[in-house]
Amino acid sequence: MRVVDTLVGAATLTDGSFYPPVQYSPVWLVIGVVLVALVIGWLVFVLLLTRRRAEPYEYVGSIPQLTETVRDAYLARIDDVGRRYDAGAVTFSDAHHELSALVRSFASDAQGVRARFMTLDDLRRTPHRALAETVERLYPGAFSGNTGGRIDDAIARASELVRTWN
């Protein structure tokens, strides 16, 4: 028996009978798709793993020496948050948010630390440990959802940071 190929891919035997072309198993298609997905996943993983991380912005430039006027202004603003909280003008959470914003702004005005734009992890990577610790201690009050309580400790921490900042 002699096999003769035709243009359509089927083979013809010399006796005139046809048999279809060999079919590939669907397993090969699945294996091919999985391999392509693995290669794409590997490329994405490598690109994400090796991408350059953004460095936190720490300083905006040289800032003049911290004056007592700036320090006194921030201490007065911190005390004002306490007075407004006691009067019921701000909530527990809002008072903590304001105190966090004040100590961040103070760091910016005092030494050019761009703390207003930094996450807590960014603050921890700076040499200003006291600032990072103060902001971290203010987070539970700011994000706990509590509607009442004492904020004396938060006021004291914020004031202490401003008073002892070099």
N, C-alpha and C. Protein backbone atom coordinates (compact mmCIF):
# COMPACT_ATOMS: atom_id res chain seq x y z
N MET A 1 0.83 -1.17 0.00
CA MET A 1 0.00 0.00 0.00
C MET A 1 0.88 1.23 0.00
N ARG A 2 0.57 2.05 -0.87
CA ARG A 2 1.33 3.28 -1.00
C ARG A 2 0.46 4.46 -0.58
N VAL A 3 1.07 5.44 0.18
CA VAL A 3 0.32 6.60 0.66
C VAL A 3 0.64 7.78 -0.24
N VAL A 4 -0.41 8.49 -0.65
CA VAL A 4 -0.26 9.68 -1.48
C VAL A 4 -0.87 10.85 -0.71
N ASP A 5 -0.09 11.95 -0.51
CA ASP A 5 -0.61 13.13 0.21
C ASP A 5 -1.38 14.02 -0.74
N THR A 6 -2.43 14.63 -0.23
CA THR A 6 -3.20 15.59 -1.02
C THR A 6 -3.02 16.97 -0.45
N LEU A 7 -3.58 17.96 -1.09
CA LEU A 7 -3.42 19.34 -0.66
C LEU A 7 -4.18 19.65 0.62
N VAL A 8 -5.20 18.93 0.95
CA VAL A 8 -6.00 19.23 2.13
C VAL A 8 -5.43 18.62 3.39
N GLY A 9 -4.38 17.90 3.34
CA GLY A 9 -3.75 17.36 4.52
C GLY A 9 -4.13 15.93 4.81
N ALA A 10 -5.13 15.42 4.17
CA ALA A 10 -5.50 14.02 4.39
C ALA A 10 -4.67 13.15 3.46
N ALA A 11 -4.47 11.96 3.84
CA ALA A 11 -3.69 11.05 3.02
C ALA A 11 -4.63 10.08 2.31
N THR A 12 -4.22 9.69 1.13
CA THR A 12 -5.01 8.74 0.35
C THR A 12 -4.19 7.48 0.17
N LEU A 13 -4.82 6.39 0.47
CA LEU A 13 -4.15 5.12 0.25
C LEU A 13 -4.31 4.76 -1.22
N THR A 14 -3.45 3.90 -1.72
CA THR A 14 -3.52 3.51 -3.13
C THR A 14 -4.81 2.79 -3.48
N ASP A 15 -5.48 2.31 -2.48
CA ASP A 15 -6.74 1.64 -2.77
C ASP A 15 -7.90 2.62 -2.81
N GLY A 16 -7.64 3.94 -2.66
CA GLY A 16 -8.67 4.96 -2.78
C GLY A 16 -9.32 5.36 -1.47
N SER A 17 -8.97 4.76 -0.34
CA SER A 17 -9.58 5.15 0.93
C SER A 17 -8.79 6.30 1.55
N PHE A 18 -9.50 7.13 2.32
CA PHE A 18 -8.89 8.28 2.99
C PHE A 18 -8.78 8.03 4.48
N TYR A 19 -7.81 8.65 5.10
CA TYR A 19 -7.78 8.71 6.55
C TYR A 19 -7.38 10.13 6.93
N PRO A 20 -8.00 10.66 8.01
CA PRO A 20 -7.80 12.07 8.36
C PRO A 20 -6.38 12.33 8.86
N PRO A 21 -5.98 13.60 8.86
CA PRO A 21 -4.66 13.93 9.40
C PRO A 21 -4.62 13.65 10.91
N VAL A 22 -3.44 13.47 11.42
CA VAL A 22 -3.27 13.18 12.84
C VAL A 22 -3.66 14.42 13.65
N GLN A 23 -4.51 14.24 14.64
CA GLN A 23 -4.94 15.34 15.50
C GLN A 23 -4.03 15.41 16.72
N TYR A 24 -3.75 16.65 17.14
CA TYR A 24 -2.95 16.83 18.34
C TYR A 24 -3.87 16.76 19.55
N SER A 25 -3.36 16.28 20.62
CA SER A 25 -4.12 16.16 21.85
C SER A 25 -4.37 17.56 22.43
N PRO A 26 -5.54 17.83 23.02
CA PRO A 26 -5.79 19.14 23.64
C PRO A 26 -4.85 19.42 24.80
N VAL A 27 -4.20 18.42 25.32
CA VAL A 27 -3.25 18.61 26.41
C VAL A 27 -2.12 19.53 25.96
N TRP A 28 -1.71 19.42 24.69
CA TRP A 28 -0.62 20.27 24.19
C TRP A 28 -1.03 21.74 24.18
N LEU A 29 -2.27 22.03 23.87
CA LEU A 29 -2.76 23.40 23.90
C LEU A 29 -2.72 23.94 25.33
N VAL A 30 -3.17 23.15 26.28
CA VAL A 30 -3.15 23.57 27.69
C VAL A 30 -1.72 23.79 28.16
N ILE A 31 -0.83 22.89 27.80
CA ILE A 31 0.59 23.04 28.19
C ILE A 31 1.17 24.32 27.59
N GLY A 32 0.85 24.58 26.33
CA GLY A 32 1.35 25.80 25.68
C GLY A 32 0.84 27.06 26.35
N VAL A 33 -0.45 27.10 26.67
CA VAL A 33 -1.02 28.27 27.34
C VAL A 33 -0.40 28.46 28.72
N VAL A 34 -0.24 27.38 29.44
CA VAL A 34 0.37 27.47 30.78
C VAL A 34 1.80 27.97 30.68
N LEU A 35 2.56 27.49 29.72
CA LEU A 35 3.95 27.95 29.56
C LEU A 35 4.00 29.43 29.22
N VAL A 36 3.14 29.89 28.34
CA VAL A 36 3.11 31.32 27.99
C VAL A 36 2.73 32.14 29.22
N ALA A 37 1.74 31.68 29.99
CA ALA A 37 1.34 32.40 31.21
C ALA A 37 2.48 32.43 32.22
N LEU A 38 3.22 31.34 32.36
CA LEU A 38 4.35 31.31 33.29
C LEU A 38 5.44 32.29 32.87
N VAL A 39 5.72 32.35 31.58
CA VAL A 39 6.75 33.28 31.09
C VAL A 39 6.31 34.72 31.33
N ILE A 40 5.06 35.03 31.04
CA ILE A 40 4.56 36.39 31.26
C ILE A 40 4.57 36.72 32.76
N GLY A 41 4.13 35.77 33.59
CA GLY A 41 4.15 35.98 35.03
C GLY A 41 5.55 36.19 35.56
N TRP A 42 6.49 35.43 35.06
CA TRP A 42 7.88 35.58 35.47
C TRP A 42 8.42 36.96 35.09
N LEU A 43 8.10 37.42 33.88
CA LEU A 43 8.56 38.74 33.45
C LEU A 43 7.97 39.84 34.33
N VAL A 44 6.69 39.75 34.62
CA VAL A 44 6.06 40.74 35.49
C VAL A 44 6.69 40.71 36.88
N PHE A 45 6.90 39.52 37.42
CA PHE A 45 7.52 39.38 38.73
C PHE A 45 8.91 40.00 38.76
N VAL A 46 9.71 39.72 37.76
CA VAL A 46 11.08 40.26 37.70
C VAL A 46 11.04 41.78 37.57
N LEU A 47 10.15 42.30 36.74
CA LEU A 47 10.07 43.75 36.58
C LEU A 47 9.62 44.44 37.87
N LEU A 48 8.66 43.86 38.57
CA LEU A 48 8.22 44.45 39.83
C LEU A 48 9.27 44.33 40.92
N LEU A 49 9.98 43.22 40.93
CA LEU A 49 10.99 42.98 41.96
C LEU A 49 12.20 43.88 41.78
N THR A 50 12.54 44.19 40.55
CA THR A 50 13.76 44.95 40.29
C THR A 50 13.52 46.42 39.98
N ARG A 51 12.27 46.87 40.05
CA ARG A 51 12.04 48.28 39.73
C ARG A 51 12.63 49.17 40.81
N ARG A 52 12.95 50.34 40.42
CA ARG A 52 13.56 51.29 41.34
C ARG A 52 12.49 51.88 42.25
N ARG A 53 12.73 51.84 43.53
CA ARG A 53 11.79 52.37 44.50
C ARG A 53 11.96 53.88 44.61
N ALA A 54 10.85 54.55 44.80
CA ALA A 54 10.91 55.99 44.97
C ALA A 54 11.51 56.31 46.34
N GLU A 55 12.43 57.21 46.34
CA GLU A 55 13.04 57.64 47.59
C GLU A 55 12.17 58.70 48.24
N PRO A 56 12.01 58.66 49.54
CA PRO A 56 11.18 59.68 50.18
C PRO A 56 11.87 61.04 50.11
N TYR A 57 11.04 62.04 49.95
CA TYR A 57 11.57 63.40 49.95
C TYR A 57 11.78 63.82 51.38
N GLU A 58 12.99 64.15 51.71
CA GLU A 58 13.25 64.50 53.10
C GLU A 58 13.44 66.00 53.26
N TYR A 59 14.31 66.59 52.50
CA TYR A 59 14.62 67.99 52.68
C TYR A 59 14.30 68.77 51.43
N VAL A 60 13.83 70.00 51.62
CA VAL A 60 13.56 70.86 50.47
C VAL A 60 14.71 71.83 50.25
N GLY A 61 15.65 71.87 51.13
CA GLY A 61 16.78 72.77 50.99
C GLY A 61 17.19 73.29 52.36
N SER A 62 18.06 74.26 52.35
CA SER A 62 18.51 74.79 53.63
C SER A 62 17.43 75.73 54.19
N ILE A 63 17.15 75.54 55.44
CA ILE A 63 16.13 76.34 56.13
C ILE A 63 16.84 77.13 57.22
N PRO A 64 16.45 78.38 57.42
CA PRO A 64 17.10 79.14 58.48
C PRO A 64 16.89 78.50 59.85
N GLN A 65 17.72 78.89 60.76
CA GLN A 65 17.66 78.36 62.13
C GLN A 65 16.25 78.51 62.70
N LEU A 66 15.82 77.48 63.41
CA LEU A 66 14.51 77.50 64.05
C LEU A 66 14.45 78.63 65.06
N THR A 67 13.46 79.46 64.91
CA THR A 67 13.32 80.58 65.84
C THR A 67 12.30 80.23 66.92
N GLU A 68 12.40 80.90 68.02
CA GLU A 68 11.44 80.70 69.10
C GLU A 68 10.04 81.15 68.69
N THR A 69 9.98 82.08 67.76
CA THR A 69 8.67 82.54 67.28
C THR A 69 7.92 81.41 66.59
N VAL A 70 8.62 80.65 65.76
CA VAL A 70 8.00 79.51 65.07
C VAL A 70 7.59 78.46 66.09
N ARG A 71 8.46 78.17 67.02
CA ARG A 71 8.17 77.18 68.06
C ARG A 71 6.94 77.61 68.88
N ASP A 72 6.92 78.87 69.30
CA ASP A 72 5.80 79.37 70.10
C ASP A 72 4.49 79.36 69.31
N ALA A 73 4.57 79.65 68.02
CA ALA A 73 3.36 79.65 67.19
C ALA A 73 2.76 78.25 67.11
N TYR A 74 3.61 77.25 66.96
CA TYR A 74 3.10 75.87 66.87
C TYR A 74 2.59 75.38 68.23
N LEU A 75 3.26 75.77 69.31
CA LEU A 75 2.76 75.39 70.63
C LEU A 75 1.39 76.00 70.90
N ALA A 76 1.20 77.23 70.44
CA ALA A 76 -0.11 77.88 70.60
C ALA A 76 -1.18 77.17 69.76
N ARG A 77 -0.82 76.75 68.55
CA ARG A 77 -1.78 76.05 67.69
C ARG A 77 -2.14 74.68 68.28
N ILE A 78 -1.16 74.01 68.89
CA ILE A 78 -1.44 72.72 69.54
C ILE A 78 -2.37 72.93 70.73
N ASP A 79 -2.12 73.96 71.53
CA ASP A 79 -3.00 74.25 72.66
C ASP A 79 -4.41 74.61 72.19
N ASP A 80 -4.49 75.29 71.03
CA ASP A 80 -5.79 75.66 70.48
C ASP A 80 -6.61 74.42 70.10
N VAL A 81 -5.94 73.39 69.60
CA VAL A 81 -6.65 72.14 69.28
C VAL A 81 -7.25 71.57 70.56
N GLY A 82 -6.50 71.59 71.65
CA GLY A 82 -7.01 71.10 72.93
C GLY A 82 -8.19 71.91 73.43
N ARG A 83 -8.12 73.23 73.30
CA ARG A 83 -9.24 74.09 73.72
C ARG A 83 -10.49 73.83 72.87
N ARG A 84 -10.30 73.73 71.58
CA ARG A 84 -11.45 73.49 70.70
C ARG A 84 -12.05 72.10 70.95
N TYR A 85 -11.22 71.12 71.29
CA TYR A 85 -11.75 69.79 71.61
C TYR A 85 -12.57 69.85 72.90
N ASP A 86 -12.02 70.52 73.92
CA ASP A 86 -12.74 70.65 75.19
C ASP A 86 -14.06 71.39 75.02
N ALA A 87 -14.10 72.34 74.08
CA ALA A 87 -15.33 73.09 73.82
C ALA A 87 -16.31 72.32 72.94
N GLY A 88 -15.87 71.17 72.39
CA GLY A 88 -16.75 70.37 71.54
C GLY A 88 -16.76 70.79 70.08
N ALA A 89 -15.83 71.66 69.68
CA ALA A 89 -15.79 72.15 68.30
C ALA A 89 -15.17 71.14 67.34
N VAL A 90 -14.33 70.24 67.85
CA VAL A 90 -13.73 69.20 67.01
C VAL A 90 -13.92 67.85 67.70
N THR A 91 -13.97 66.81 66.89
CA THR A 91 -14.14 65.46 67.43
C THR A 91 -12.80 64.90 67.89
N PHE A 92 -12.87 63.79 68.58
CA PHE A 92 -11.67 63.09 69.05
C PHE A 92 -10.73 62.76 67.88
N SER A 93 -11.31 62.19 66.85
CA SER A 93 -10.52 61.79 65.67
C SER A 93 -9.94 63.01 64.96
N ASP A 94 -10.77 64.05 64.77
CA ASP A 94 -10.30 65.26 64.09
C ASP A 94 -9.19 65.95 64.86
N ALA A 95 -9.27 65.92 66.18
CA ALA A 95 -8.21 66.53 67.00
C ALA A 95 -6.88 65.82 66.76
N HIS A 96 -6.92 64.49 66.69
CA HIS A 96 -5.69 63.74 66.42
C HIS A 96 -5.17 64.00 65.01
N HIS A 97 -6.08 64.10 64.05
CA HIS A 97 -5.66 64.43 62.69
C HIS A 97 -4.99 65.81 62.65
N GLU A 98 -5.59 66.77 63.33
CA GLU A 98 -5.01 68.11 63.35
C GLU A 98 -3.64 68.12 64.02
N LEU A 99 -3.51 67.39 65.11
CA LEU A 99 -2.22 67.34 65.80
C LEU A 99 -1.15 66.70 64.91
N SER A 100 -1.53 65.65 64.18
CA SER A 100 -0.58 65.02 63.26
C SER A 100 -0.17 65.99 62.17
N ALA A 101 -1.14 66.72 61.63
CA ALA A 101 -0.81 67.71 60.59
C ALA A 101 0.07 68.82 61.14
N LEU A 102 -0.18 69.23 62.38
CA LEU A 102 0.63 70.29 62.98
C LEU A 102 2.08 69.87 63.19
N VAL A 103 2.31 68.66 63.73
CA VAL A 103 3.71 68.26 63.95
C VAL A 103 4.42 68.03 62.62
N ARG A 104 3.70 67.56 61.63
CA ARG A 104 4.31 67.41 60.30
C ARG A 104 4.67 68.77 59.71
N SER A 105 3.75 69.73 59.83
CA SER A 105 4.02 71.08 59.32
C SER A 105 5.16 71.74 60.08
N PHE A 106 5.20 71.50 61.38
CA PHE A 106 6.29 72.06 62.18
C PHE A 106 7.64 71.54 61.69
N ALA A 107 7.72 70.24 61.44
CA ALA A 107 8.99 69.66 60.96
C ALA A 107 9.39 70.29 59.63
N SER A 108 8.40 70.56 58.80
CA SER A 108 8.68 71.20 57.52
C SER A 108 9.19 72.63 57.71
N ASP A 109 8.51 73.37 58.55
CA ASP A 109 8.91 74.76 58.79
C ASP A 109 10.21 74.87 59.56
N ALA A 110 10.46 73.92 60.45
CA ALA A 110 11.64 74.00 61.31
C ALA A 110 12.91 73.57 60.59
N GLN A 111 12.83 72.48 59.79
CA GLN A 111 14.06 71.97 59.17
C GLN A 111 13.90 71.57 57.72
N GLY A 112 12.76 71.79 57.14
CA GLY A 112 12.59 71.44 55.73
C GLY A 112 12.27 69.98 55.49
N VAL A 113 11.88 69.25 56.52
CA VAL A 113 11.49 67.86 56.35
C VAL A 113 10.14 67.86 55.65
N ARG A 114 10.03 67.14 54.56
CA ARG A 114 8.76 67.12 53.81
C ARG A 114 7.79 66.12 54.41
N ALA A 115 7.58 66.24 55.69
CA ALA A 115 6.78 65.27 56.44
C ALA A 115 5.31 65.28 56.04
N ARG A 116 4.83 66.39 55.51
CA ARG A 116 3.42 66.44 55.11
C ARG A 116 3.10 65.45 54.01
N PHE A 117 4.10 65.08 53.24
CA PHE A 117 3.90 64.21 52.09
C PHE A 117 4.41 62.79 52.32
N MET A 118 4.85 62.48 53.51
CA MET A 118 5.44 61.18 53.80
C MET A 118 4.45 60.26 54.51
N THR A 119 4.58 58.98 54.19
CA THR A 119 3.83 57.98 54.95
C THR A 119 4.58 57.73 56.26
N LEU A 120 3.97 56.96 57.12
CA LEU A 120 4.63 56.65 58.39
C LEU A 120 5.92 55.85 58.13
N ASP A 121 5.90 54.94 57.16
CA ASP A 121 7.12 54.19 56.84
C ASP A 121 8.21 55.12 56.32
N ASP A 122 7.85 56.13 55.52
CA ASP A 122 8.84 57.10 55.05
C ASP A 122 9.43 57.87 56.23
N LEU A 123 8.58 58.25 57.16
CA LEU A 123 9.07 58.99 58.34
C LEU A 123 10.02 58.14 59.17
N ARG A 124 9.75 56.86 59.26
CA ARG A 124 10.63 55.97 60.04
C ARG A 124 12.01 55.86 59.42
N ARG A 125 12.10 56.06 58.11
CA ARG A 125 13.40 55.95 57.43
C ARG A 125 14.21 57.24 57.49
N THR A 126 13.65 58.28 58.06
CA THR A 126 14.40 59.53 58.20
C THR A 126 15.15 59.52 59.53
N PRO A 127 16.08 60.44 59.71
CA PRO A 127 16.78 60.51 60.99
C PRO A 127 15.93 61.13 62.11
N HIS A 128 14.70 61.50 61.82
CA HIS A 128 13.84 62.18 62.79
C HIS A 128 12.93 61.15 63.47
N ARG A 129 13.51 60.37 64.35
CA ARG A 129 12.78 59.29 65.04
C ARG A 129 11.65 59.83 65.92
N ALA A 130 11.91 60.95 66.59
CA ALA A 130 10.89 61.51 67.49
C ALA A 130 9.64 61.91 66.70
N LEU A 131 9.83 62.45 65.51
CA LEU A 131 8.69 62.82 64.67
C LEU A 131 7.90 61.58 64.27
N ALA A 132 8.60 60.54 63.83
CA ALA A 132 7.93 59.30 63.43
C ALA A 132 7.18 58.69 64.60
N GLU A 133 7.78 58.68 65.77
CA GLU A 133 7.13 58.10 66.95
C GLU A 133 5.90 58.91 67.36
N THR A 134 6.00 60.23 67.28
CA THR A 134 4.85 61.06 67.64
C THR A 134 3.70 60.83 66.68
N VAL A 135 3.98 60.82 65.38
CA VAL A 135 2.92 60.58 64.39
C VAL A 135 2.32 59.19 64.58
N GLU A 136 3.17 58.21 64.86
CA GLU A 136 2.69 56.85 65.08
C GLU A 136 1.76 56.78 66.30
N ARG A 137 2.09 57.50 67.34
CA ARG A 137 1.25 57.49 68.56
C ARG A 137 -0.06 58.23 68.35
N LEU A 138 -0.10 59.13 67.35
CA LEU A 138 -1.34 59.85 67.05
C LEU A 138 -2.28 59.05 66.16
N TYR A 139 -1.76 58.07 65.44
CA TYR A 139 -2.57 57.28 64.51
C TYR A 139 -3.75 56.57 65.17
N PRO A 140 -3.57 55.88 66.31
CA PRO A 140 -4.73 55.18 66.87
C PRO A 140 -5.90 56.12 67.17
N GLY A 141 -5.62 57.28 67.70
CA GLY A 141 -6.70 58.24 67.98
C GLY A 141 -7.33 58.78 66.72
N ALA A 142 -6.52 58.94 65.68
CA ALA A 142 -7.03 59.50 64.43
C ALA A 142 -7.88 58.50 63.67
N PHE A 143 -7.54 57.22 63.74
CA PHE A 143 -8.20 56.23 62.90
C PHE A 143 -9.02 55.19 63.66
N SER A 144 -9.16 55.36 64.97
CA SER A 144 -9.87 54.35 65.75
C SER A 144 -11.38 54.47 65.63
N GLY A 145 -11.87 55.62 65.31
CA GLY A 145 -13.31 55.80 65.24
C GLY A 145 -13.92 56.17 66.58
N ASN A 146 -13.09 56.37 67.59
CA ASN A 146 -13.61 56.78 68.90
C ASN A 146 -14.25 58.16 68.78
N THR A 147 -15.32 58.34 69.51
CA THR A 147 -16.00 59.63 69.46
C THR A 147 -15.69 60.49 70.68
N GLY A 148 -15.07 59.92 71.68
CA GLY A 148 -14.76 60.69 72.87
C GLY A 148 -13.59 60.11 73.61
N GLY A 149 -13.13 60.86 74.57
CA GLY A 149 -12.00 60.43 75.37
C GLY A 149 -11.11 61.61 75.67
N ARG A 150 -10.03 61.34 76.34
CA ARG A 150 -9.07 62.38 76.70
C ARG A 150 -8.01 62.50 75.61
N ILE A 151 -7.64 63.72 75.31
CA ILE A 151 -6.57 63.92 74.33
C ILE A 151 -5.35 64.58 74.98
N ASP A 152 -5.32 64.58 76.28
CA ASP A 152 -4.20 65.21 76.99
C ASP A 152 -2.87 64.59 76.61
N ASP A 153 -2.84 63.27 76.48
CA ASP A 153 -1.59 62.59 76.12
C ASP A 153 -1.13 63.00 74.72
N ALA A 154 -2.07 63.09 73.79
CA ALA A 154 -1.72 63.49 72.42
C ALA A 154 -1.21 64.93 72.39
N ILE A 155 -1.85 65.80 73.13
CA ILE A 155 -1.41 67.20 73.21
C ILE A 155 -0.01 67.26 73.81
N ALA A 156 0.22 66.50 74.87
CA ALA A 156 1.52 66.50 75.54
C ALA A 156 2.62 65.99 74.61
N ARG A 157 2.33 64.94 73.85
CA ARG A 157 3.33 64.39 72.92
C ARG A 157 3.68 65.39 71.82
N ALA A 158 2.65 66.00 71.25
CA ALA A 158 2.89 66.98 70.18
C ALA A 158 3.66 68.18 70.72
N SER A 159 3.29 68.67 71.89
CA SER A 159 3.99 69.81 72.49
C SER A 159 5.44 69.46 72.82
N GLU A 160 5.65 68.26 73.34
CA GLU A 160 7.01 67.82 73.67
C GLU A 160 7.89 67.77 72.42
N LEU A 161 7.34 67.28 71.33
CA LEU A 161 8.13 67.23 70.09
C LEU A 161 8.53 68.63 69.65
N VAL A 162 7.60 69.55 69.69
CA VAL A 162 7.89 70.92 69.27
C VAL A 162 8.91 71.57 70.22
N ARG A 163 8.73 71.36 71.51
CA ARG A 163 9.67 71.97 72.48
C ARG A 163 11.08 71.43 72.35
N THR A 164 11.25 70.14 72.08
CA THR A 164 12.59 69.53 72.09
C THR A 164 13.22 69.45 70.71
N TRP A 165 12.56 69.90 69.68
CA TRP A 165 13.12 69.82 68.32
C TRP A 165 14.35 70.70 68.23
N ASN A 166 15.43 70.18 67.64
CA ASN A 166 16.66 70.97 67.51
C ASN A 166 16.71 71.58 66.14
